[in-house]
C-alpha atoms as a PDB file:
ATOM      1  CA  UNK A   1      76.547 142.376  26.474  1.00  0.00           C
ATOM      2  CA  UNK A   2      74.971 139.179  27.780  1.00  0.00           C
ATOM      3  CA  UNK A   3      78.045 137.023  27.835  1.00  0.00           C
ATOM      4  CA  UNK A   4      81.813 137.103  27.763  1.00  0.00           C
ATOM      5  CA  UNK A   5      84.230 134.175  27.120  1.00  0.00           C
ATOM      6  CA  UNK A   6      87.713 134.610  28.672  1.00  0.00           C
ATOM      7  CA  UNK A   7      90.383 132.341  27.492  1.00  0.00           C
ATOM      8  CA  UNK A   8      93.953 132.387  28.725  1.00  0.00           C
ATOM      9  CA  UNK A   9      96.487 132.811  26.035  1.00  0.00           C
ATOM     10  CA  UNK A  10      97.255 129.193  25.578  1.00  0.00           C
ATOM     11  CA  UNK A  11      94.098 128.932  23.840  1.00  0.00           C
ATOM     12  CA  UNK A  12      94.562 130.405  20.290  1.00  0.00           C
ATOM     13  CA  UNK A  13      91.634 132.214  18.877  1.00  0.00           C
ATOM     14  CA  UNK A  14      90.774 131.936  15.216  1.00  0.00           C
ATOM     15  CA  UNK A  15      90.782 135.130  13.077  1.00  0.00           C
ATOM     16  CA  UNK A  16      87.056 135.153  13.432  1.00  0.00           C
ATOM     17  CA  UNK A  17      86.867 134.861  17.158  1.00  0.00           C
ATOM     18  CA  UNK A  18      89.511 137.474  17.487  1.00  0.00           C
ATOM     19  CA  UNK A  19      87.043 139.991  15.823  1.00  0.00           C
ATOM     20  CA  UNK A  20      84.184 138.775  18.098  1.00  0.00           C
ATOM     21  CA  UNK A  21      83.809 140.915  20.984  1.00  0.00           C
ATOM     22  CA  UNK A  22      82.377 138.120  23.195  1.00  0.00           C
ATOM     23  CA  UNK A  23      85.956 136.589  23.242  1.00  0.00           C
ATOM     24  CA  UNK A  24      88.998 137.908  25.068  1.00  0.00           C
ATOM     25  CA  UNK A  25      92.316 136.351  25.453  1.00  0.00           C
ATOM     26  CA  UNK A  26      94.343 136.934  28.730  1.00  0.00           C
ATOM     27  CA  UNK A  27      98.056 136.683  28.286  1.00  0.00           C
ATOM     28  CA  UNK A  28     100.472 134.482  29.953  1.00  0.00           C
ATOM     29  CA  UNK A  29     104.114 135.446  30.123  1.00  0.00           C
ATOM     30  CA  UNK A  30     107.317 133.554  28.998  1.00  0.00           C
ATOM     31  CA  UNK A  31     110.894 133.952  30.090  1.00  0.00           C
ATOM     32  CA  UNK A  32     113.805 132.465  28.032  1.00  0.00           C
ATOM     33  CA  UNK A  33     116.860 133.390  29.945  1.00  0.00           C
ATOM     34  CA  UNK A  34     116.948 137.299  30.045  1.00  0.00           C
ATOM     35  CA  UNK A  35     114.317 137.526  27.284  1.00  0.00           C
ATOM     36  CA  UNK A  36     110.779 138.227  28.279  1.00  0.00           C
ATOM     37  CA  UNK A  37     107.800 137.760  26.000  1.00  0.00           C
ATOM     38  CA  UNK A  38     104.131 138.571  26.544  1.00  0.00           C
ATOM     39  CA  UNK A  39     101.833 135.989  24.989  1.00  0.00           C
ATOM     40  CA  UNK A  40      99.636 138.508  23.309  1.00  0.00           C
ATOM     41  CA  UNK A  41      99.464 140.212  19.860  1.00  0.00           C
ATOM     42  CA  UNK A  42     103.019 141.324  20.292  1.00  0.00           C
ATOM     43  CA  UNK A  43     104.292 137.699  20.336  1.00  0.00           C
ATOM     44  CA  UNK A  44     107.059 136.984  17.787  1.00  0.00           C
ATOM     45  CA  UNK A  45     106.973 133.279  17.272  1.00  0.00           C
ATOM     46  CA  UNK A  46     110.147 133.004  14.953  1.00  0.00           C
ATOM     47  CA  UNK A  47     112.105 135.235  17.469  1.00  0.00           C
ATOM     48  CA  UNK A  48     110.816 133.096  20.474  1.00  0.00           C
ATOM     49  CA  UNK A  49     111.682 129.752  18.857  1.00  0.00           C
ATOM     50  CA  UNK A  50     115.221 130.949  17.836  1.00  0.00           C
ATOM     51  CA  UNK A  51     115.730 132.090  21.443  1.00  0.00           C
ATOM     52  CA  UNK A  52     114.586 128.636  22.894  1.00  0.00           C
ATOM     53  CA  UNK A  53     116.940 126.841  20.404  1.00  0.00           C
ATOM     54  CA  UNK A  54     119.803 128.843  21.444  1.00  0.00           C
ATOM     55  CA  UNK A  55     119.242 128.471  25.203  1.00  0.00           C
ATOM     56  CA  UNK A  56     120.465 125.496  27.333  1.00  0.00           C
ATOM     57  CA  UNK A  57     117.575 126.231  29.684  1.00  0.00           C
ATOM     58  CA  UNK A  58     113.803 125.320  29.604  1.00  0.00           C
ATOM     59  CA  UNK A  59     111.616 128.412  29.016  1.00  0.00           C
ATOM     60  CA  UNK A  60     109.611 129.509  32.041  1.00  0.00           C
ATOM     61  CA  UNK A  61     106.068 130.524  32.023  1.00  0.00           C
ATOM     62  CA  UNK A  62     103.928 132.585  34.469  1.00  0.00           C
ATOM     63  CA  UNK A  63     100.163 132.705  34.677  1.00  0.00           C
ATOM     64  CA  UNK A  64      98.104 135.858  34.404  1.00  0.00           C
ATOM     65  CA  UNK A  65      97.563 137.585  37.902  1.00  0.00           C
ATOM     66  CA  UNK A  66      93.772 137.734  38.893  1.00  0.00           C
ATOM     67  CA  UNK A  67      93.437 141.462  38.023  1.00  0.00           C
ATOM     68  CA  UNK A  68      94.256 140.600  34.342  1.00  0.00           C
ATOM     69  CA  UNK A  69      91.343 138.149  34.307  1.00  0.00           C
ATOM     70  CA  UNK A  70      89.130 140.627  35.951  1.00  0.00           C
ATOM     71  CA  UNK A  71      90.074 143.355  33.380  1.00  0.00           C
ATOM     72  CA  UNK A  72      88.719 141.055  30.680  1.00  0.00           C
ATOM     73  CA  UNK A  73      85.173 140.815  32.180  1.00  0.00           C
ATOM     74  CA  UNK A  74      83.921 143.826  30.642  1.00  0.00           C
ATOM     75  CA  UNK A  75      81.095 146.025  31.603  1.00  0.00           C
ATOM     76  CA  UNK A  76      77.350 145.166  31.891  1.00  0.00           C
ATOM     77  CA  UNK A  77      78.025 141.575  31.205  1.00  0.00           C
ATOM     78  CA  UNK A  78      75.673 139.085  32.679  1.00  0.00           C
ATOM     79  CA  UNK A  79      77.506 135.826  32.152  1.00  0.00           C
ATOM     80  CA  UNK A  80      81.277 135.291  32.333  1.00  0.00           C
ATOM     81  CA  UNK A  81      83.015 131.991  31.410  1.00  0.00           C
ATOM     82  CA  UNK A  82      86.597 131.755  31.874  1.00  0.00           C
ATOM     83  CA  UNK A  83      88.475 128.896  30.131  1.00  0.00           C
ATOM     84  CA  UNK A  84      92.110 127.947  31.363  1.00  0.00           C
ATOM     85  CA  UNK A  85      94.952 125.829  30.552  1.00  0.00           C
ATOM     86  CA  UNK A  86      94.666 122.412  32.494  1.00  0.00           C
ATOM     87  CA  UNK A  87      95.228 122.901  36.166  1.00  0.00           C
ATOM     88  CA  UNK A  88      97.809 119.900  35.996  1.00  0.00           C
ATOM     89  CA  UNK A  89     100.141 122.007  33.899  1.00  0.00           C
ATOM     90  CA  UNK A  90      99.618 125.676  35.028  1.00  0.00           C
ATOM     91  CA  UNK A  91      98.643 127.948  37.844  1.00  0.00           C
ATOM     92  CA  UNK A  92      96.288 129.841  35.416  1.00  0.00           C
ATOM     93  CA  UNK A  93      93.142 127.971  36.794  1.00  0.00           C
ATOM     94  CA  UNK A  94      93.941 128.964  40.449  1.00  0.00           C
ATOM     95  CA  UNK A  95      94.409 132.512  39.229  1.00  0.00           C
ATOM     96  CA  UNK A  96      91.188 132.755  37.379  1.00  0.00           C
ATOM     97  CA  UNK A  97      89.419 131.170  40.473  1.00  0.00           C
ATOM     98  CA  UNK A  98      90.865 133.829  42.669  1.00  0.00           C
ATOM     99  CA  UNK A  99      89.777 136.471  40.153  1.00  0.00           C
ATOM    100  CA  UNK A 100      86.278 135.003  40.424  1.00  0.00           C
ATOM    101  CA  UNK A 101      86.334 135.173  44.105  1.00  0.00           C
ATOM    102  CA  UNK A 102      87.801 138.704  44.314  1.00  0.00           C
ATOM    103  CA  UNK A 103      85.234 140.110  41.921  1.00  0.00           C
ATOM    104  CA  UNK A 104      82.360 138.604  43.700  1.00  0.00           C
ATOM    105  CA  UNK A 105      83.596 139.890  47.109  1.00  0.00           C
ATOM    106  CA  UNK A 106      84.001 143.310  45.442  1.00  0.00           C
ATOM    107  CA  UNK A 107      80.492 143.381  43.992  1.00  0.00           C
ATOM    108  CA  UNK A 108      78.984 142.137  47.263  1.00  0.00           C
ATOM    109  CA  UNK A 109      80.597 144.894  49.149  1.00  0.00           C
ATOM    110  CA  UNK A 110      79.677 147.533  46.506  1.00  0.00           C
ATOM    111  CA  UNK A 111      76.286 146.447  45.505  1.00  0.00           C
ATOM    112  CA  UNK A 112      75.195 144.172  48.274  1.00  0.00           C
ATOM    113  CA  UNK A 113      74.777 141.306  45.566  1.00  0.00           C
ATOM    114  CA  UNK A 114      76.560 139.821  42.614  1.00  0.00           C
ATOM    115  CA  UNK A 115      74.746 140.797  39.441  1.00  0.00           C
ATOM    116  CA  UNK A 116      77.303 138.822  37.210  1.00  0.00           C
ATOM    117  CA  UNK A 117      77.326 134.893  37.060  1.00  0.00           C
ATOM    118  CA  UNK A 118      80.860 133.584  36.613  1.00  0.00           C
ATOM    119  CA  UNK A 119      82.191 130.228  36.021  1.00  0.00           C
ATOM    120  CA  UNK A 120      85.839 128.879  35.555  1.00  0.00           C
ATOM    121  CA  UNK A 121      86.373 125.931  33.433  1.00  0.00           C
ATOM    122  CA  UNK A 122      89.451 123.821  33.842  1.00  0.00           C
ATOM    123  CA  UNK A 123      90.136 122.690  30.128  1.00  0.00           C
ATOM    124  CA  UNK A 124      92.034 119.684  31.217  1.00  0.00           C
ATOM    125  CA  UNK A 125      93.582 120.404  27.987  1.00  0.00           C
ATOM    126  CA  UNK A 126      95.724 123.137  26.224  1.00  0.00           C
ATOM    127  CA  UNK A 127      95.918 125.196  22.978  1.00  0.00           C
ATOM    128  CA  UNK A 128      92.993 124.651  20.698  1.00  0.00           C
ATOM    129  CA  UNK A 129      91.308 122.415  23.276  1.00  0.00           C
ATOM    130  CA  UNK A 130      90.599 125.510  25.214  1.00  0.00           C
ATOM    131  CA  UNK A 131      89.393 127.123  21.941  1.00  0.00           C
ATOM    132  CA  UNK A 132      86.949 124.405  21.294  1.00  0.00           C
ATOM    133  CA  UNK A 133      85.447 124.844  24.726  1.00  0.00           C
ATOM    134  CA  UNK A 134      85.068 128.614  24.050  1.00  0.00           C
ATOM    135  CA  UNK A 135      83.275 127.669  20.780  1.00  0.00           C
ATOM    136  CA  UNK A 136      80.906 125.434  22.544  1.00  0.00           C
ATOM    137  CA  UNK A 137      80.128 127.881  25.265  1.00  0.00           C
ATOM    138  CA  UNK A 138      79.088 130.570  22.545  1.00  0.00           C
ATOM    139  CA  UNK A 139      77.035 127.935  20.572  1.00  0.00           C
ATOM    140  CA  UNK A 140      75.013 127.216  23.622  1.00  0.00           C
ATOM    141  CA  UNK A 141      74.677 130.807  24.608  1.00  0.00           C
ATOM    142  CA  UNK A 142      73.550 131.747  21.177  1.00  0.00           C
ATOM    143  CA  UNK A 143      71.016 129.088  21.479  1.00  0.00           C
ATOM    144  CA  UNK A 144      69.636 130.761  24.568  1.00  0.00           C
ATOM    145  CA  UNK A 145      70.660 127.984  27.026  1.00  0.00           C
ATOM    146  CA  UNK A 146      70.606 129.281  30.642  1.00  0.00           C
ATOM    147  CA  UNK A 147      73.973 129.882  32.411  1.00  0.00           C
ATOM    148  CA  UNK A 148      73.629 126.798  34.684  1.00  0.00           C
ATOM    149  CA  UNK A 149      72.840 124.636  31.690  1.00  0.00           C
ATOM    150  CA  UNK A 150      75.882 125.996  29.702  1.00  0.00           C
ATOM    151  CA  UNK A 151      78.023 125.024  32.636  1.00  0.00           C
ATOM    152  CA  UNK A 152      76.551 121.742  32.993  1.00  0.00           C
ATOM    153  CA  UNK A 153      76.775 120.874  29.325  1.00  0.00           C
ATOM    154  CA  UNK A 154      80.274 122.298  28.919  1.00  0.00           C
ATOM    155  CA  UNK A 155      81.673 120.480  31.778  1.00  0.00           C
ATOM    156  CA  UNK A 156      80.269 117.180  30.160  1.00  0.00           C
ATOM    157  CA  UNK A 157      81.881 118.311  26.885  1.00  0.00           C
ATOM    158  CA  UNK A 158      85.421 118.757  28.548  1.00  0.00           C
ATOM    159  CA  UNK A 159      85.004 115.178  30.033  1.00  0.00           C
ATOM    160  CA  UNK A 160      84.353 113.906  26.691  1.00  0.00           C
ATOM    161  CA  UNK A 161      87.164 115.934  24.598  1.00  0.00           C
ATOM    162  CA  UNK A 162      90.528 114.422  23.768  1.00  0.00           C
ATOM    163  CA  UNK A 163      93.811 116.187  22.981  1.00  0.00           C
ATOM    164  CA  UNK A 164      96.652 114.770  21.135  1.00  0.00           C
ATOM    165  CA  UNK A 165     100.095 115.944  19.826  1.00  0.00           C
ATOM    166  CA  UNK A 166     103.257 114.975  18.214  1.00  0.00           C
ATOM    167  CA  UNK A 167     106.630 116.710  18.743  1.00  0.00           C
ATOM    168  CA  UNK A 168     109.253 117.306  16.190  1.00  0.00           C
ATOM    169  CA  UNK A 169     111.845 118.004  18.886  1.00  0.00           C
ATOM    170  CA  UNK A 170     112.313 116.443  22.333  1.00  0.00           C
ATOM    171  CA  UNK A 171     114.411 119.394  23.442  1.00  0.00           C
ATOM    172  CA  UNK A 172     111.877 121.032  25.817  1.00  0.00           C
ATOM    173  CA  UNK A 173     111.152 117.541  27.372  1.00  0.00           C
ATOM    174  CA  UNK A 174     114.746 117.222  27.895  1.00  0.00           C
ATOM    175  CA  UNK A 175     115.296 120.630  29.334  1.00  0.00           C
ATOM    176  CA  UNK A 176     112.516 120.525  31.809  1.00  0.00           C
ATOM    177  CA  UNK A 177     113.597 117.006  33.201  1.00  0.00           C
ATOM    178  CA  UNK A 178     110.685 115.067  31.655  1.00  0.00           C
ATOM    179  CA  UNK A 179     113.011 112.970  29.621  1.00  0.00           C
ATOM    180  CA  UNK A 180     116.622 112.032  30.475  1.00  0.00           C
ATOM    181  CA  UNK A 181     119.450 113.207  28.322  1.00  0.00           C
ATOM    182  CA  UNK A 182     120.155 109.715  27.155  1.00  0.00           C
ATOM    183  CA  UNK A 183     116.669 108.955  26.136  1.00  0.00           C
ATOM    184  CA  UNK A 184     116.433 112.186  24.284  1.00  0.00           C
ATOM    185  CA  UNK A 185     119.859 111.626  22.515  1.00  0.00           C
ATOM    186  CA  UNK A 186     118.728 107.980  21.419  1.00  0.00           C
ATOM    187  CA  UNK A 187     115.273 108.950  20.134  1.00  0.00           C
ATOM    188  CA  UNK A 188     116.859 111.870  18.242  1.00  0.00           C
ATOM    189  CA  UNK A 189     119.461 109.457  16.648  1.00  0.00           C
ATOM    190  CA  UNK A 190     116.765 106.987  15.866  1.00  0.00           C
ATOM    191  CA  UNK A 191     114.402 109.587  14.620  1.00  0.00           C
ATOM    192  CA  UNK A 192     111.849 108.313  17.060  1.00  0.00           C
ATOM    193  CA  UNK A 193     108.686 110.879  17.538  1.00  0.00           C
ATOM    194  CA  UNK A 194     106.573 110.348  20.702  1.00  0.00           C
ATOM    195  CA  UNK A 195     102.658 110.606  20.279  1.00  0.00           C
ATOM    196  CA  UNK A 196     101.307 112.231  23.418  1.00  0.00           C
ATOM    197  CA  UNK A 197      97.974 112.875  24.552  1.00  0.00           C
ATOM    198  CA  UNK A 198      95.843 114.346  27.632  1.00  0.00           C
ATOM    199  CA  UNK A 199      94.698 112.116  30.644  1.00  0.00           C
ATOM    200  CA  UNK A 200      91.291 112.426  32.154  1.00  0.00           C
ATOM    201  CA  UNK A 201      92.561 114.857  34.689  1.00  0.00           C
ATOM    202  CA  UNK A 202      94.496 116.955  32.301  1.00  0.00           C
ATOM    203  CA  UNK A 203      98.047 115.914  32.672  1.00  0.00           C
ATOM    204  CA  UNK A 204     100.261 114.579  29.738  1.00  0.00           C
ATOM    205  CA  UNK A 205     100.829 110.955  28.798  1.00  0.00           C
ATOM    206  CA  UNK A 206     102.684 109.077  26.120  1.00  0.00           C
ATOM    207  CA  UNK A 207     100.426 107.187  23.925  1.00  0.00           C
ATOM    208  CA  UNK A 208     102.943 105.662  21.659  1.00  0.00           C
ATOM    209  CA  UNK A 209     105.802 106.528  19.369  1.00  0.00           C
ATOM    210  CA  UNK A 210     106.870 106.040  15.725  1.00  0.00           C
ATOM    211  CA  UNK A 211     110.074 106.354  13.588  1.00  0.00           C
ATOM    212  CA  UNK A 212     109.753 109.567  11.555  1.00  0.00           C
ATOM    213  CA  UNK A 213     107.336 112.350  11.726  1.00  0.00           C
ATOM    214  CA  UNK A 214     104.981 111.137   9.153  1.00  0.00           C
ATOM    215  CA  UNK A 215     104.333 107.657  10.889  1.00  0.00           C
ATOM    216  CA  UNK A 216     103.823 109.454  14.060  1.00  0.00           C
ATOM    217  CA  UNK A 217     101.267 111.756  12.773  1.00  0.00           C
ATOM    218  CA  UNK A 218      99.526 108.913  11.067  1.00  0.00           C
ATOM    219  CA  UNK A 219      99.569 107.242  14.445  1.00  0.00           C
ATOM    220  CA  UNK A 220      98.212 110.310  16.095  1.00  0.00           C
ATOM    221  CA  UNK A 221      95.252 110.368  13.671  1.00  0.00           C
ATOM    222  CA  UNK A 222      94.530 106.624  14.172  1.00  0.00           C
ATOM    223  CA  UNK A 223      94.556 107.057  17.895  1.00  0.00           C
ATOM    224  CA  UNK A 224      92.247 110.068  17.735  1.00  0.00           C
ATOM    225  CA  UNK A 225      89.674 108.228  15.498  1.00  0.00           C
ATOM    226  CA  UNK A 226      89.768 105.249  17.737  1.00  0.00           C
ATOM    227  CA  UNK A 227      88.186 107.179  20.720  1.00  0.00           C
ATOM    228  CA  UNK A 228      86.057 109.709  18.708  1.00  0.00           C
ATOM    229  CA  UNK A 229      82.392 108.824  18.276  1.00  0.00           C
ATOM    230  CA  UNK A 230      79.721 110.689  16.048  1.00  0.00           C
ATOM    231  CA  UNK A 231      82.419 112.504  14.139  1.00  0.00           C
ATOM    232  CA  UNK A 232      79.922 114.338  11.964  1.00  0.00           C
ATOM    233  CA  UNK A 233      78.488 115.943  15.018  1.00  0.00           C
ATOM    234  CA  UNK A 234      81.912 117.365  16.307  1.00  0.00           C
ATOM    235  CA  UNK A 235      84.222 120.125  15.511  1.00  0.00           C
ATOM    236  CA  UNK A 236      87.963 119.075  15.345  1.00  0.00           C
ATOM    237  CA  UNK A 237      90.794 121.565  15.732  1.00  0.00           C
ATOM    238  CA  UNK A 238      94.358 121.440  14.775  1.00  0.00           C
ATOM    239  CA  UNK A 239      97.108 123.819  15.937  1.00  0.00           C
ATOM    240  CA  UNK A 240     100.711 123.796  14.457  1.00  0.00           C
ATOM    241  CA  UNK A 241     103.807 125.463  15.525  1.00  0.00           C
ATOM    242  CA  UNK A 242     105.472 126.907  12.510  1.00  0.00           C
ATOM    243  CA  UNK A 243     104.198 124.079  10.245  1.00  0.00           C
ATOM    244  CA  UNK A 244     101.278 124.977   8.227  1.00  0.00           C
ATOM    245  CA  UNK A 245     101.801 122.592   5.360  1.00  0.00           C
ATOM    246  CA  UNK A 246     102.122 119.680   7.852  1.00  0.00           C
ATOM    247  CA  UNK A 247      98.789 120.768   9.614  1.00  0.00           C
ATOM    248  CA  UNK A 248      97.091 120.739   6.228  1.00  0.00           C
ATOM    249  CA  UNK A 249      98.358 117.306   5.467  1.00  0.00           C
ATOM    250  CA  UNK A 250      96.918 116.142   8.805  1.00  0.00           C
ATOM    251  CA  UNK A 251      93.575 117.584   8.019  1.00  0.00           C
ATOM    252  CA  UNK A 252      93.569 116.149   4.515  1.00  0.00           C
ATOM    253  CA  UNK A 253      94.362 112.729   5.878  1.00  0.00           C
ATOM    254  CA  UNK A 254      91.512 113.083   8.577  1.00  0.00           C
ATOM    255  CA  UNK A 255      88.944 114.093   5.858  1.00  0.00           C
ATOM    256  CA  UNK A 256      89.732 110.949   3.860  1.00  0.00           C
ATOM    257  CA  UNK A 257      88.910 108.846   7.032  1.00  0.00           C
ATOM    258  CA  UNK A 258      86.159 110.496   8.571  1.00  0.00           C
ATOM    259  CA  UNK A 259      83.642 113.302   8.172  1.00  0.00           C
ATOM    260  CA  UNK A 260      83.519 116.128  10.840  1.00  0.00           C
ATOM    261  CA  UNK A 261      81.126 118.883  11.222  1.00  0.00           C
ATOM    262  CA  UNK A 262      84.118 121.279  10.781  1.00  0.00           C
ATOM    263  CA  UNK A 263      87.883 121.321  10.998  1.00  0.00           C
ATOM    264  CA  UNK A 264      89.885 124.443  12.087  1.00  0.00           C
ATOM    265  CA  UNK A 265      93.426 125.185  11.796  1.00  0.00           C
ATOM    266  CA  UNK A 266      95.400 127.798  13.731  1.00  0.00           C
ATOM    267  CA  UNK A 267      99.083 128.634  14.493  1.00  0.00           C
ATOM    268  CA  UNK A 268     100.240 128.230  17.954  1.00  0.00           C
ATOM    269  CA  UNK A 269     100.576 131.302  20.252  1.00  0.00           C
ATOM    270  CA  UNK A 270     103.383 131.864  22.754  1.00  0.00           C
ATOM    271  CA  UNK A 271     102.490 129.119  25.474  1.00  0.00           C
ATOM    272  CA  UNK A 272     101.424 126.374  22.947  1.00  0.00           C
ATOM    273  CA  UNK A 273     104.777 127.154  20.937  1.00  0.00           C
ATOM    274  CA  UNK A 274     106.502 126.511  24.155  1.00  0.00           C
ATOM    275  CA  UNK A 275     104.754 123.108  24.702  1.00  0.00           C
ATOM    276  CA  UNK A 276     104.656 122.031  20.986  1.00  0.00           C
ATOM    277  CA  UNK A 277     108.094 123.321  20.086  1.00  0.00           C
ATOM    278  CA  UNK A 278     109.145 124.052  16.448  1.00  0.00           C
ATOM    279  CA  UNK A 279     107.232 121.696  14.101  1.00  0.00           C
ATOM    280  CA  UNK A 280     104.830 120.322  16.593  1.00  0.00           C
ATOM    281  CA  UNK A 281     101.288 119.545  15.659  1.00  0.00           C
ATOM    282  CA  UNK A 282      98.245 119.430  18.221  1.00  0.00           C
ATOM    283  CA  UNK A 283      94.746 117.915  17.787  1.00  0.00           C
ATOM    284  CA  UNK A 284      91.780 118.378  19.801  1.00  0.00           C
ATOM    285  CA  UNK A 285      88.233 116.941  19.513  1.00  0.00           C
END
């Protein structure tokens, strides 16, 4: 196989990509009190969300060990691209970098050279932001672009990409200390929904807020379109946490305002469900 695209499990794969042998998800892990979840095919979103709702504590996630990334490389692969959750949010990027270094050292010791070219992309995003990066890598590989050119073009793609999300609940932000109890209580009482987004370095910032979910989603779409140029040349992705109809309404609204090359919708996996919480919607383009 000429290339392999390894994405940590915060990046949800579409059904088509799950069947594509070029793609591989590497699982992160989540603990909710005494309950342990692997973010893989065994992940039960409904059970997870219920456990999160019942717990007074914030769920804790752990990144994949380097060996798990290395196991995903496959055999006889010429090019390996790893895509991870933003380094500002997780240790997944550092673990993938260590996997690259360990693999290259092993190959150097065993073969006297490193036959496989490897690059790790810090998505500076999460969820379907990672998915879009993987899709861009495949597009370039299938077009016959060299490894070095793929790396350059995808790094540029990441620099131009934006991620947005709206939360139904502020409980996770409250539990992990990013929002005071008083602010959380007031926002909930007033039905205030924050509109969040990624920064240039991949951290999270608040872009605005609105009263009610519908207005917040409308604001998110407006903010996305305000910074997105040449929509017809871009793929837009939407992920949702347990709210498919809400995601479809967001898609329909976007289609009335702009024409994208393609819009894909996926349900959040484990790590993205942790961030988005029940009812959250994420956009990346």
